Amino acid sequence: MNTTFLLMAQYDGRAVVPVEAVCRDYFSHLTVVEFIRKTTAGQIDIPVIAIEQSRKAARGVHIKDLAAWIDKRAEAARKEADQLAGRR
């Protein structure tokens, strides 16, 4: 299964997903401001795109970056589950 294609279906083919939607769907425990702060500080490894060089510019996450982050998190979870189950 290709995560990028699944996200394209989820977000109606958008290349850049608004941070509000990313927060709603994947970081519901964070506000948009907290999410942007954590990405800027490197605590969440997802690049946030500003459409313009303005503090008020729309911000979003490129769908490939979101897919890569999801895939990394899934692989880390699989490794942890394998270790806990005594595999590998």
PDB file of N, CA and C in Angstrom:
ATOM      1  N   MET A   1       0.846  -1.178   0.000  1.00  0.00           N
ATOM      2  CA  MET A   1       0.000   0.000   0.000  1.00  0.00           C
ATOM      3  C   MET A   1       0.892   1.243   0.000  1.00  0.00           C
ATOM      4  N   ASN A   2       0.520   2.226  -0.743  1.00  0.00           N
ATOM      5  CA  ASN A   2       1.311   3.439  -0.851  1.00  0.00           C
ATOM      6  C   ASN A   2       0.649   4.556  -0.037  1.00  0.00           C
ATOM      7  N   THR A   3       1.343   5.009   0.979  1.00  0.00           N
ATOM      8  CA  THR A   3       0.797   6.021   1.890  1.00  0.00           C
ATOM      9  C   THR A   3       0.476   7.317   1.163  1.00  0.00           C
ATOM     10  N   THR A   4       1.332   7.706   0.226  1.00  0.00           N
ATOM     11  CA  THR A   4       1.087   8.954  -0.505  1.00  0.00           C
ATOM     12  C   THR A   4      -0.242   8.898  -1.253  1.00  0.00           C
ATOM     13  N   PHE A   5      -0.510   7.778  -1.917  1.00  0.00           N
ATOM     14  CA  PHE A   5      -1.769   7.659  -2.658  1.00  0.00           C
ATOM     15  C   PHE A   5      -2.974   7.660  -1.721  1.00  0.00           C
ATOM     16  N   LEU A   6      -2.830   7.027  -0.574  1.00  0.00           N
ATOM     17  CA  LEU A   6      -3.929   7.040   0.397  1.00  0.00           C
ATOM     18  C   LEU A   6      -4.201   8.461   0.892  1.00  0.00           C
ATOM     19  N   LEU A   7      -3.125   9.216   1.141  1.00  0.00           N
ATOM     20  CA  LEU A   7      -3.300  10.608   1.578  1.00  0.00           C
ATOM     21  C   LEU A   7      -3.896  11.469   0.467  1.00  0.00           C
ATOM     22  N   MET A   8      -3.505  11.192  -0.783  1.00  0.00           N
ATOM     23  CA  MET A   8      -4.095  11.931  -1.901  1.00  0.00           C
ATOM     24  C   MET A   8      -5.605  11.712  -1.939  1.00  0.00           C
ATOM     25  N   ALA A   9      -6.031  10.492  -1.689  1.00  0.00           N
ATOM     26  CA  ALA A   9      -7.469  10.204  -1.652  1.00  0.00           C
ATOM     27  C   ALA A   9      -8.118  10.902  -0.467  1.00  0.00           C
ATOM     28  N   GLN A  10      -7.455  10.858   0.680  1.00  0.00           N
ATOM     29  CA  GLN A  10      -8.009  11.477   1.889  1.00  0.00           C
ATOM     30  C   GLN A  10      -8.159  12.983   1.728  1.00  0.00           C
ATOM     31  N   TYR A  11      -7.183  13.616   1.064  1.00  0.00           N
ATOM     32  CA  TYR A  11      -7.175  15.075   0.948  1.00  0.00           C
ATOM     33  C   TYR A  11      -7.512  15.548  -0.465  1.00  0.00           C
ATOM     34  N   ASP A  12      -8.305  14.769  -1.195  1.00  0.00           N
ATOM     35  CA  ASP A  12      -8.833  15.173  -2.503  1.00  0.00           C
ATOM     36  C   ASP A  12      -7.744  15.596  -3.493  1.00  0.00           C
ATOM     37  N   GLY A  13      -6.621  14.912  -3.474  1.00  0.00           N
ATOM     38  CA  GLY A  13      -5.559  15.161  -4.444  1.00  0.00           C
ATOM     39  C   GLY A  13      -4.719  16.392  -4.191  1.00  0.00           C
ATOM     40  N   ARG A  14      -4.861  17.013  -3.051  1.00  0.00           N
ATOM     41  CA  ARG A  14      -4.056  18.204  -2.744  1.00  0.00           C
ATOM     42  C   ARG A  14      -2.583  17.823  -2.599  1.00  0.00           C
ATOM     43  N   ALA A  15      -1.699  18.678  -3.104  1.00  0.00           N
ATOM     44  CA  ALA A  15      -0.264  18.461  -2.928  1.00  0.00           C
ATOM     45  C   ALA A  15       0.175  18.947  -1.546  1.00  0.00           C
ATOM     46  N   VAL A  16      -0.439  20.030  -1.096  1.00  0.00           N
ATOM     47  CA  VAL A  16      -0.120  20.602   0.214  1.00  0.00           C
ATOM     48  C   VAL A  16      -1.387  20.586   1.056  1.00  0.00           C
ATOM     49  N   VAL A  17      -1.265  19.981   2.228  1.00  0.00           N
ATOM     50  CA  VAL A  17      -2.399  19.854   3.141  1.00  0.00           C
ATOM     51  C   VAL A  17      -2.302  20.973   4.184  1.00  0.00           C
ATOM     52  N   PRO A  18      -3.359  21.755   4.396  1.00  0.00           N
ATOM     53  CA  PRO A  18      -3.316  22.813   5.405  1.00  0.00           C
ATOM     54  C   PRO A  18      -2.973  22.244   6.794  1.00  0.00           C
ATOM     55  N   VAL A  19      -2.185  23.001   7.554  1.00  0.00           N
ATOM     56  CA  VAL A  19      -1.790  22.512   8.881  1.00  0.00           C
ATOM     57  C   VAL A  19      -3.000  22.247   9.765  1.00  0.00           C
ATOM     58  N   GLU A  20      -4.072  22.977   9.562  1.00  0.00           N
ATOM     59  CA  GLU A  20      -5.276  22.735  10.359  1.00  0.00           C
ATOM     60  C   GLU A  20      -5.787  21.311  10.143  1.00  0.00           C
ATOM     61  N   ALA A  21      -5.755  20.849   8.891  1.00  0.00           N
ATOM     62  CA  ALA A  21      -6.215  19.488   8.587  1.00  0.00           C
ATOM     63  C   ALA A  21      -5.245  18.445   9.119  1.00  0.00           C
ATOM     64  N   VAL A  22      -3.947  18.705   9.011  1.00  0.00           N
ATOM     65  CA  VAL A  22      -2.942  17.777   9.544  1.00  0.00           C
ATOM     66  C   VAL A  22      -3.110  17.645  11.057  1.00  0.00           C
ATOM     67  N   CYS A  23      -3.290  18.769  11.723  1.00  0.00           N
ATOM     68  CA  CYS A  23      -3.498  18.736  13.186  1.00  0.00           C
ATOM     69  C   CYS A  23      -4.778  17.994  13.535  1.00  0.00           C
ATOM     70  N   ARG A  24      -5.843  18.291  12.834  1.00  0.00           N
ATOM     71  CA  ARG A  24      -7.122  17.640  13.112  1.00  0.00           C
ATOM     72  C   ARG A  24      -7.020  16.128  12.947  1.00  0.00           C
ATOM     73  N   ASP A  25      -6.343  15.679  11.894  1.00  0.00           N
ATOM     74  CA  ASP A  25      -6.331  14.262  11.560  1.00  0.00           C
ATOM     75  C   ASP A  25      -5.214  13.460  12.228  1.00  0.00           C
ATOM     76  N   TYR A  26      -4.083  14.089  12.517  1.00  0.00           N
ATOM     77  CA  TYR A  26      -2.932  13.330  13.025  1.00  0.00           C
ATOM     78  C   TYR A  26      -2.351  13.857  14.336  1.00  0.00           C
ATOM     79  N   PHE A  27      -2.684  15.067  14.712  1.00  0.00           N
ATOM     80  CA  PHE A  27      -2.145  15.658  15.941  1.00  0.00           C
ATOM     81  C   PHE A  27      -3.269  16.324  16.728  1.00  0.00           C
ATOM     82  N   SER A  28      -4.349  15.605  16.952  1.00  0.00           N
ATOM     83  CA  SER A  28      -5.521  16.198  17.605  1.00  0.00           C
ATOM     84  C   SER A  28      -5.224  16.667  19.023  1.00  0.00           C
ATOM     85  N   HIS A  29      -4.126  16.187  19.586  1.00  0.00           N
ATOM     86  CA  HIS A  29      -3.739  16.603  20.935  1.00  0.00           C
ATOM     87  C   HIS A  29      -3.017  17.952  20.930  1.00  0.00           C
ATOM     88  N   LEU A  30      -2.732  18.500  19.735  1.00  0.00           N
ATOM     89  CA  LEU A  30      -2.024  19.778  19.625  1.00  0.00           C
ATOM     90  C   LEU A  30      -2.890  20.822  18.937  1.00  0.00           C
ATOM     91  N   THR A  31      -2.688  22.071  19.310  1.00  0.00           N
ATOM     92  CA  THR A  31      -3.282  23.163  18.545  1.00  0.00           C
ATOM     93  C   THR A  31      -2.379  23.417  17.330  1.00  0.00           C
ATOM     94  N   VAL A  32      -2.852  24.203  16.395  1.00  0.00           N
ATOM     95  CA  VAL A  32      -2.048  24.544  15.222  1.00  0.00           C
ATOM     96  C   VAL A  32      -0.779  25.269  15.652  1.00  0.00           C
ATOM     97  N   VAL A  33      -0.901  26.182  16.588  1.00  0.00           N
ATOM     98  CA  VAL A  33       0.263  26.935  17.077  1.00  0.00           C
ATOM     99  C   VAL A  33       1.278  25.990  17.718  1.00  0.00           C
ATOM    100  N   GLU A  34       0.815  25.057  18.533  1.00  0.00           N
ATOM    101  CA  GLU A  34       1.721  24.093  19.164  1.00  0.00           C
ATOM    102  C   GLU A  34       2.398  23.210  18.116  1.00  0.00           C
ATOM    103  N   PHE A  35       1.635  22.780  17.126  1.00  0.00           N
ATOM    104  CA  PHE A  35       2.188  21.951  16.060  1.00  0.00           C
ATOM    105  C   PHE A  35       3.302  22.688  15.320  1.00  0.00           C
ATOM    106  N   ILE A  36       3.044  23.927  14.916  1.00  0.00           N
ATOM    107  CA  ILE A  36       4.055  24.715  14.202  1.00  0.00           C
ATOM    108  C   ILE A  36       5.279  24.943  15.091  1.00  0.00           C
ATOM    109  N   ARG A  37       5.055  25.221  16.380  1.00  0.00           N
ATOM    110  CA  ARG A  37       6.169  25.428  17.302  1.00  0.00           C
ATOM    111  C   ARG A  37       7.029  24.172  17.388  1.00  0.00           C
ATOM    112  N   LYS A  38       6.393  23.005  17.487  1.00  0.00           N
ATOM    113  CA  LYS A  38       7.137  21.748  17.604  1.00  0.00           C
ATOM    114  C   LYS A  38       7.877  21.399  16.313  1.00  0.00           C
ATOM    115  N   THR A  39       7.294  21.716  15.169  1.00  0.00           N
ATOM    116  CA  THR A  39       8.008  21.451  13.918  1.00  0.00           C
ATOM    117  C   THR A  39       9.190  22.400  13.769  1.00  0.00           C
ATOM    118  N   THR A  40       9.004  23.647  14.159  1.00  0.00           N
ATOM    119  CA  THR A  40      10.089  24.627  14.083  1.00  0.00           C
ATOM    120  C   THR A  40      11.231  24.259  15.035  1.00  0.00           C
ATOM    121  N   ALA A  41      10.896  23.701  16.196  1.00  0.00           N
ATOM    122  CA  ALA A  41      11.907  23.304  17.185  1.00  0.00           C
ATOM    123  C   ALA A  41      12.538  21.948  16.870  1.00  0.00           C
ATOM    124  N   GLY A  42      12.031  21.266  15.849  1.00  0.00           N
ATOM    125  CA  GLY A  42      12.576  19.966  15.495  1.00  0.00           C
ATOM    126  C   GLY A  42      12.032  18.814  16.317  1.00  0.00           C
ATOM    127  N   GLN A  43      11.023  19.052  17.137  1.00  0.00           N
ATOM    128  CA  GLN A  43      10.434  17.990  17.950  1.00  0.00           C
ATOM    129  C   GLN A  43       9.530  17.084  17.119  1.00  0.00           C
ATOM    130  N   ILE A  44       8.967  17.623  16.058  1.00  0.00           N
ATOM    131  CA  ILE A  44       8.199  16.846  15.086  1.00  0.00           C
ATOM    132  C   ILE A  44       8.901  17.060  13.750  1.00  0.00           C
ATOM    133  N   ASP A  45       9.336  15.957  13.146  1.00  0.00           N
ATOM    134  CA  ASP A  45      10.166  16.027  11.946  1.00  0.00           C
ATOM    135  C   ASP A  45       9.307  16.059  10.676  1.00  0.00           C
ATOM    136  N   ILE A  46       8.545  17.147  10.535  1.00  0.00           N
ATOM    137  CA  ILE A  46       7.736  17.366   9.341  1.00  0.00           C
ATOM    138  C   ILE A  46       7.959  18.812   8.893  1.00  0.00           C
ATOM    139  N   PRO A  47       8.429  19.009   7.652  1.00  0.00           N
ATOM    140  CA  PRO A  47       8.588  20.383   7.164  1.00  0.00           C
ATOM    141  C   PRO A  47       7.228  21.053   6.962  1.00  0.00           C
ATOM    142  N   VAL A  48       7.102  22.281   7.428  1.00  0.00           N
ATOM    143  CA  VAL A  48       5.882  23.063   7.235  1.00  0.00           C
ATOM    144  C   VAL A  48       6.183  24.133   6.190  1.00  0.00           C
ATOM    145  N   ILE A  49       5.348  24.189   5.176  1.00  0.00           N
ATOM    146  CA  ILE A  49       5.516  25.129   4.077  1.00  0.00           C
ATOM    147  C   ILE A  49       4.706  26.385   4.364  1.00  0.00           C
ATOM    148  N   ALA A  50       5.344  27.537   4.206  1.00  0.00           N
ATOM    149  CA  ALA A  50       4.632  28.817   4.233  1.00  0.00           C
ATOM    150  C   ALA A  50       4.473  29.254   2.775  1.00  0.00           C
ATOM    151  N   ILE A  51       3.278  29.520   2.355  1.00  0.00           N
ATOM    152  CA  ILE A  51       3.013  29.851   0.965  1.00  0.00           C
ATOM    153  C   ILE A  51       3.692  31.164   0.555  1.00  0.00           C
ATOM    154  N   GLU A  52       3.839  32.078   1.498  1.00  0.00           N
ATOM    155  CA  GLU A  52       4.555  33.335   1.270  1.00  0.00           C
ATOM    156  C   GLU A  52       5.486  33.580   2.444  1.00  0.00           C
ATOM    157  N   GLN A  53       6.340  34.591   2.303  1.00  0.00           N
ATOM    158  CA  GLN A  53       7.206  34.952   3.417  1.00  0.00           C
ATOM    159  C   GLN A  53       6.519  36.027   4.258  1.00  0.00           C
ATOM    160  N   SER A  54       5.478  35.594   4.920  1.00  0.00           N
ATOM    161  CA  SER A  54       4.706  36.473   5.778  1.00  0.00           C
ATOM    162  C   SER A  54       4.270  35.662   6.989  1.00  0.00           C
ATOM    163  N   ARG A  55       4.223  36.302   8.131  1.00  0.00           N
ATOM    164  CA  ARG A  55       3.784  35.593   9.343  1.00  0.00           C
ATOM    165  C   ARG A  55       2.329  35.126   9.229  1.00  0.00           C
ATOM    166  N   LYS A  56       1.544  35.822   8.420  1.00  0.00           N
ATOM    167  CA  LYS A  56       0.130  35.487   8.275  1.00  0.00           C
ATOM    168  C   LYS A  56      -0.144  34.557   7.090  1.00  0.00           C
ATOM    169  N   ALA A  57       0.902  34.146   6.391  1.00  0.00           N
ATOM    170  CA  ALA A  57       0.726  33.297   5.209  1.00  0.00           C
ATOM    171  C   ALA A  57       0.142  31.941   5.590  1.00  0.00           C
ATOM    172  N   ALA A  58      -0.598  31.377   4.651  1.00  0.00           N
ATOM    173  CA  ALA A  58      -1.138  30.025   4.849  1.00  0.00           C
ATOM    174  C   ALA A  58       0.021  29.047   4.986  1.00  0.00           C
ATOM    175  N   ARG A  59      -0.160  28.051   5.846  1.00  0.00           N
ATOM    176  CA  ARG A  59       0.878  27.051   6.065  1.00  0.00           C
ATOM    177  C   ARG A  59       0.296  25.673   5.805  1.00  0.00           C
ATOM    178  N   GLY A  60       1.157  24.812   5.326  1.00  0.00           N
ATOM    179  CA  GLY A  60       0.711  23.461   5.036  1.00  0.00           C
ATOM    180  C   GLY A  60       1.860  22.480   5.069  1.00  0.00           C
ATOM    181  N   VAL A  61       1.531  21.222   4.848  1.00  0.00           N
ATOM    182  CA  VAL A  61       2.515  20.145   4.822  1.00  0.00           C
ATOM    183  C   VAL A  61       2.383  19.456   3.466  1.00  0.00           C
ATOM    184  N   HIS A  62       3.514  19.300   2.774  1.00  0.00           N
ATOM    185  CA  HIS A  62       3.483  18.603   1.492  1.00  0.00           C
ATOM    186  C   HIS A  62       3.105  17.149   1.739  1.00  0.00           C
ATOM    187  N   ILE A  63       2.277  16.613   0.873  1.00  0.00           N
ATOM    188  CA  ILE A  63       1.725  15.276   1.068  1.00  0.00           C
ATOM    189  C   ILE A  63       2.819  14.205   1.139  1.00  0.00           C
ATOM    190  N   LYS A  64       3.902  14.369   0.382  1.00  0.00           N
ATOM    191  CA  LYS A  64       5.008  13.394   0.434  1.00  0.00           C
ATOM    192  C   LYS A  64       5.725  13.439   1.779  1.00  0.00           C
ATOM    193  N   ASP A  65       5.851  14.634   2.364  1.00  0.00           N
ATOM    194  CA  ASP A  65       6.484  14.747   3.682  1.00  0.00           C
ATOM    195  C   ASP A  65       5.623  14.104   4.762  1.00  0.00           C
ATOM    196  N   LEU A  66       4.312  14.304   4.671  1.00  0.00           N
ATOM    197  CA  LEU A  66       3.398  13.687   5.632  1.00  0.00           C
ATOM    198  C   LEU A  66       3.430  12.166   5.485  1.00  0.00           C
ATOM    199  N   ALA A  67       3.437  11.687   4.248  1.00  0.00           N
ATOM    200  CA  ALA A  67       3.489  10.241   4.001  1.00  0.00           C
ATOM    201  C   ALA A  67       4.788   9.646   4.548  1.00  0.00           C
ATOM    202  N   ALA A  68       5.904  10.319   4.321  1.00  0.00           N
ATOM    203  CA  ALA A  68       7.195   9.825   4.823  1.00  0.00           C
ATOM    204  C   ALA A  68       7.194   9.764   6.346  1.00  0.00           C
ATOM    205  N   TRP A  69       6.613  10.786   6.990  1.00  0.00           N
ATOM    206  CA  TRP A  69       6.550  10.801   8.457  1.00  0.00           C
ATOM    207  C   TRP A  69       5.696   9.638   8.967  1.00  0.00           C
ATOM    208  N   ILE A  70       4.542   9.421   8.341  1.00  0.00           N
ATOM    209  CA  ILE A  70       3.672   8.312   8.743  1.00  0.00           C
ATOM    210  C   ILE A  70       4.392   6.982   8.563  1.00  0.00           C
ATOM    211  N   ASP A  71       5.060   6.812   7.423  1.00  0.00           N
ATOM    212  CA  ASP A  71       5.781   5.558   7.167  1.00  0.00           C
ATOM    213  C   ASP A  71       6.897   5.326   8.179  1.00  0.00           C
ATOM    214  N   LYS A  72       7.627   6.387   8.548  1.00  0.00           N
ATOM    215  CA  LYS A  72       8.688   6.255   9.561  1.00  0.00           C
ATOM    216  C   LYS A  72       8.113   5.841  10.911  1.00  0.00           C
ATOM    217  N   ARG A  73       7.009   6.471  11.288  1.00  0.00           N
ATOM    218  CA  ARG A  73       6.384   6.145  12.576  1.00  0.00           C
ATOM    219  C   ARG A  73       5.858   4.708  12.576  1.00  0.00           C
ATOM    220  N   ALA A  74       5.297   4.268  11.461  1.00  0.00           N
ATOM    221  CA  ALA A  74       4.778   2.903  11.354  1.00  0.00           C
ATOM    222  C   ALA A  74       5.916   1.886  11.445  1.00  0.00           C
ATOM    223  N   GLU A  75       7.031   2.162  10.777  1.00  0.00           N
ATOM    224  CA  GLU A  75       8.181   1.249  10.832  1.00  0.00           C
ATOM    225  C   GLU A  75       8.749   1.170  12.252  1.00  0.00           C
ATOM    226  N   ALA A  76       8.843   2.304  12.941  1.00  0.00           N
ATOM    227  CA  ALA A  76       9.327   2.306  14.326  1.00  0.00           C
ATOM    228  C   ALA A  76       8.389   1.495  15.223  1.00  0.00           C
ATOM    229  N   ALA A  77       7.091   1.622  14.999  1.00  0.00           N
ATOM    230  CA  ALA A  77       6.118   0.863  15.796  1.00  0.00           C
ATOM    231  C   ALA A  77       6.243  -0.632  15.522  1.00  0.00           C
ATOM    232  N   ARG A  78       6.462  -1.004  14.257  1.00  0.00           N
ATOM    233  CA  ARG A  78       6.648  -2.422  13.914  1.00  0.00           C
ATOM    234  C   ARG A  78       7.880  -3.000  14.595  1.00  0.00           C
ATOM    235  N   LYS A  79       8.983  -2.247  14.575  1.00  0.00           N
ATOM    236  CA  LYS A  79      10.218  -2.711  15.222  1.00  0.00           C
ATOM    237  C   LYS A  79      10.006  -2.896  16.723  1.00  0.00           C
ATOM    238  N   GLU A  80       9.327  -1.945  17.340  1.00  0.00           N
ATOM    239  CA  GLU A  80       9.060  -2.041  18.770  1.00  0.00           C
ATOM    240  C   GLU A  80       8.172  -3.247  19.077  1.00  0.00           C
ATOM    241  N   ALA A  81       7.142  -3.457  18.275  1.00  0.00           N
ATOM    242  CA  ALA A  81       6.246  -4.598  18.480  1.00  0.00           C
ATOM    243  C   ALA A  81       6.999  -5.915  18.302  1.00  0.00           C
ATOM    244  N   ASP A  82       7.883  -5.986  17.314  1.00  0.00           N
ATOM    245  CA  ASP A  82       8.680  -7.196  17.108  1.00  0.00           C
ATOM    246  C   ASP A  82       9.596  -7.470  18.301  1.00  0.00           C
ATOM    247  N   GLN A  83      10.212  -6.422  18.823  1.00  0.00           N
ATOM    248  CA  GLN A  83      11.102  -6.587  19.981  1.00  0.00           C
ATOM    249  C   GLN A  83      10.309  -7.056  21.200  1.00  0.00           C
ATOM    250  N   LEU A  84       9.146  -6.471  21.412  1.00  0.00           N
ATOM    251  CA  LEU A  84       8.328  -6.865  22.555  1.00  0.00           C
ATOM    252  C   LEU A  84       7.830  -8.295  22.432  1.00  0.00           C
ATOM    253  N   ALA A  85       7.601  -8.729  21.195  1.00  0.00           N
ATOM    254  CA  ALA A  85       7.112 -10.093  20.959  1.00  0.00           C
ATOM    255  C   ALA A  85       8.246 -11.107  20.851  1.00  0.00           C
ATOM    256  N   GLY A  86       9.489 -10.632  20.965  1.00  0.00           N
ATOM    257  CA  GLY A  86      10.632 -11.535  20.901  1.00  0.00           C
ATOM    258  C   GLY A  86      11.050 -11.926  19.507  1.00  0.00           C
ATOM    259  N   ARG A  87      10.567 -11.207  18.513  1.00  0.00           N
ATOM    260  CA  ARG A  87      10.984 -11.459  17.128  1.00  0.00           C
ATOM    261  C   ARG A  87      12.134 -10.530  16.806  1.00  0.00           C
ATOM    262  N   ARG A  88      12.991 -10.970  15.912  1.00  0.00           N
ATOM    263  CA  ARG A  88      14.157 -10.179  15.438  1.00  0.00           C
ATOM    264  C   ARG A  88      15.187 -10.077  16.484  1.00  0.00           C
TER     265      ARG A  88
END
